[in-house]
Amino acid sequence: MDKKNALRAGALAAGTTLMMLLMSSPALALTRDDGDDPGSGLSVVETLGLYVVLPLVLFGAITAAVMVLDKSTDRRPKSPRSRAAKAGAKA
């Protein structure tokens, strides 16, 4: 019974996706609107810099800021043995 439901759900998803693709009209993207003023396109280097390098640099800067500004003194994870030893010492 589960196979039948999975097949039905897959067919429904595929059918819905196909209908969405068929209903959208990419030819309308070529029609210019009033006030439409596109600039010159980006080069390959500009595109890679904007969508690959810039996010990596931002990720690195945020990571570095978090590591530098972190005030915690103990960064190593506690092992289960040390927790048990501390619990036994306090008791």
C-alpha atoms as a PDB file:
ATOM      1  CA  MET A   1       0.000   0.000   0.000  1.00  0.00           C
ATOM      2  CA  ASP A   2       2.895   2.382   0.747  1.00  0.00           C
ATOM      3  CA  LYS A   3       4.341   1.814  -2.725  1.00  0.00           C
ATOM      4  CA  LYS A   4       1.053   2.746  -4.291  1.00  0.00           C
ATOM      5  CA  ASN A   5       0.833   5.988  -2.293  1.00  0.00           C
ATOM      6  CA  ALA A   6       4.440   6.881  -3.119  1.00  0.00           C
ATOM      7  CA  LEU A   7       3.817   6.252  -6.805  1.00  0.00           C
ATOM      8  CA  ARG A   8       0.668   8.370  -6.690  1.00  0.00           C
ATOM      9  CA  ALA A   9       2.487  11.227  -4.911  1.00  0.00           C
ATOM     10  CA  GLY A  10       5.379  11.057  -7.393  1.00  0.00           C
ATOM     11  CA  ALA A  11       3.011  11.124 -10.359  1.00  0.00           C
ATOM     12  CA  LEU A  12       1.149  14.075  -8.884  1.00  0.00           C
ATOM     13  CA  ALA A  13       4.380  16.003  -8.253  1.00  0.00           C
ATOM     14  CA  ALA A  14       5.685  15.230 -11.742  1.00  0.00           C
ATOM     15  CA  GLY A  15       2.386  16.213 -13.333  1.00  0.00           C
ATOM     16  CA  THR A  16       2.218  19.452 -11.391  1.00  0.00           C
ATOM     17  CA  THR A  17       5.791  20.335 -12.318  1.00  0.00           C
ATOM     18  CA  LEU A  18       5.162  19.545 -15.972  1.00  0.00           C
ATOM     19  CA  MET A  19       2.017  21.687 -16.046  1.00  0.00           C
ATOM     20  CA  MET A  20       3.846  24.589 -14.396  1.00  0.00           C
ATOM     21  CA  LEU A  21       6.621  24.376 -16.993  1.00  0.00           C
ATOM     22  CA  LEU A  22       4.165  24.210 -19.854  1.00  0.00           C
ATOM     23  CA  MET A  23       2.064  27.105 -18.554  1.00  0.00           C
ATOM     24  CA  SER A  24       5.009  29.458 -18.103  1.00  0.00           C
ATOM     25  CA  SER A  25       6.010  31.260 -21.238  1.00  0.00           C
ATOM     26  CA  PRO A  26       9.703  32.109 -21.534  1.00  0.00           C
ATOM     27  CA  ALA A  27       8.979  33.977 -24.775  1.00  0.00           C
ATOM     28  CA  LEU A  28       7.421  36.761 -22.713  1.00  0.00           C
ATOM     29  CA  ALA A  29      10.852  37.501 -21.279  1.00  0.00           C
ATOM     30  CA  LEU A  30      11.895  38.875 -24.664  1.00  0.00           C
ATOM     31  CA  THR A  31       9.130  41.481 -24.694  1.00  0.00           C
ATOM     32  CA  ARG A  32      10.365  44.858 -23.493  1.00  0.00           C
ATOM     33  CA  ASP A  33       8.251  46.866 -21.066  1.00  0.00           C
ATOM     34  CA  ASP A  34       7.973  50.633 -20.905  1.00  0.00           C
ATOM     35  CA  GLY A  35      10.706  52.058 -18.734  1.00  0.00           C
ATOM     36  CA  ASP A  36      12.788  48.913 -19.045  1.00  0.00           C
ATOM     37  CA  ASP A  37      16.435  49.956 -19.174  1.00  0.00           C
ATOM     38  CA  PRO A  38      18.762  46.971 -18.752  1.00  0.00           C
ATOM     39  CA  GLY A  39      22.419  47.691 -18.313  1.00  0.00           C
ATOM     40  CA  SER A  40      25.291  45.901 -19.912  1.00  0.00           C
ATOM     41  CA  GLY A  41      25.726  42.272 -18.935  1.00  0.00           C
ATOM     42  CA  LEU A  42      28.268  40.988 -16.441  1.00  0.00           C
ATOM     43  CA  SER A  43      31.447  39.334 -17.606  1.00  0.00           C
ATOM     44  CA  VAL A  44      32.373  35.852 -16.418  1.00  0.00           C
ATOM     45  CA  VAL A  45      34.897  37.261 -13.936  1.00  0.00           C
ATOM     46  CA  GLU A  46      32.371  39.749 -12.534  1.00  0.00           C
ATOM     47  CA  THR A  47      29.726  37.019 -12.221  1.00  0.00           C
ATOM     48  CA  LEU A  48      32.085  34.627 -10.421  1.00  0.00           C
ATOM     49  CA  GLY A  49      33.274  37.422  -8.150  1.00  0.00           C
ATOM     50  CA  LEU A  50      29.743  38.476  -7.266  1.00  0.00           C
ATOM     51  CA  TYR A  51      28.167  35.044  -6.769  1.00  0.00           C
ATOM     52  CA  VAL A  52      31.124  32.892  -5.637  1.00  0.00           C
ATOM     53  CA  VAL A  53      34.013  34.935  -4.238  1.00  0.00           C
ATOM     54  CA  LEU A  54      31.999  37.590  -2.387  1.00  0.00           C
ATOM     55  CA  PRO A  55      29.874  35.061  -0.409  1.00  0.00           C
ATOM     56  CA  LEU A  56      33.015  33.090   0.496  1.00  0.00           C
ATOM     57  CA  VAL A  57      34.752  36.257   1.710  1.00  0.00           C
ATOM     58  CA  LEU A  58      31.694  37.246   3.760  1.00  0.00           C
ATOM     59  CA  PHE A  59      31.498  33.748   5.253  1.00  0.00           C
ATOM     60  CA  GLY A  60      35.190  33.891   6.174  1.00  0.00           C
ATOM     61  CA  ALA A  61      34.866  37.359   7.700  1.00  0.00           C
ATOM     62  CA  ILE A  62      31.869  36.346   9.825  1.00  0.00           C
ATOM     63  CA  THR A  63      33.625  33.141  10.907  1.00  0.00           C
ATOM     64  CA  ALA A  64      36.784  35.047  11.843  1.00  0.00           C
ATOM     65  CA  ALA A  65      34.785  37.651  13.785  1.00  0.00           C
ATOM     66  CA  VAL A  66      32.968  34.951  15.748  1.00  0.00           C
ATOM     67  CA  MET A  67      36.213  33.151  16.550  1.00  0.00           C
ATOM     68  CA  VAL A  68      38.038  36.331  17.598  1.00  0.00           C
ATOM     69  CA  LEU A  69      35.192  37.780  19.635  1.00  0.00           C
ATOM     70  CA  ASP A  70      34.318  34.481  21.346  1.00  0.00           C
ATOM     71  CA  LYS A  71      34.857  34.913  25.093  1.00  0.00           C
ATOM     72  CA  SER A  72      34.596  31.257  26.099  1.00  0.00           C
ATOM     73  CA  THR A  73      37.683  29.806  27.738  1.00  0.00           C
ATOM     74  CA  ASP A  74      37.109  26.108  27.112  1.00  0.00           C
ATOM     75  CA  ARG A  75      36.611  25.146  23.480  1.00  0.00           C
ATOM     76  CA  ARG A  76      37.176  21.415  23.762  1.00  0.00           C
ATOM     77  CA  PRO A  77      34.060  19.223  24.037  1.00  0.00           C
ATOM     78  CA  LYS A  78      33.657  17.432  27.328  1.00  0.00           C
ATOM     79  CA  SER A  79      34.062  13.676  27.231  1.00  0.00           C
ATOM     80  CA  PRO A  80      31.506  11.537  29.067  1.00  0.00           C
ATOM     81  CA  ARG A  81      34.218  10.332  31.489  1.00  0.00           C
ATOM     82  CA  SER A  82      35.173  13.824  32.613  1.00  0.00           C
ATOM     83  CA  ARG A  83      31.535  14.689  33.234  1.00  0.00           C
ATOM     84  CA  ALA A  84      31.096  11.577  35.376  1.00  0.00           C
ATOM     85  CA  ALA A  85      34.332  12.334  37.275  1.00  0.00           C
ATOM     86  CA  LYS A  86      33.220  15.906  38.003  1.00  0.00           C
ATOM     87  CA  ALA A  87      29.780  14.721  39.099  1.00  0.00           C
ATOM     88  CA  GLY A  88      31.409  12.159  41.444  1.00  0.00           C
ATOM     89  CA  ALA A  89      33.787  14.774  42.862  1.00  0.00           C
ATOM     90  CA  LYS A  90      30.965  17.198  43.653  1.00  0.00           C
ATOM     91  CA  ALA A  91      28.864  14.556  45.391  1.00  0.00           C
END
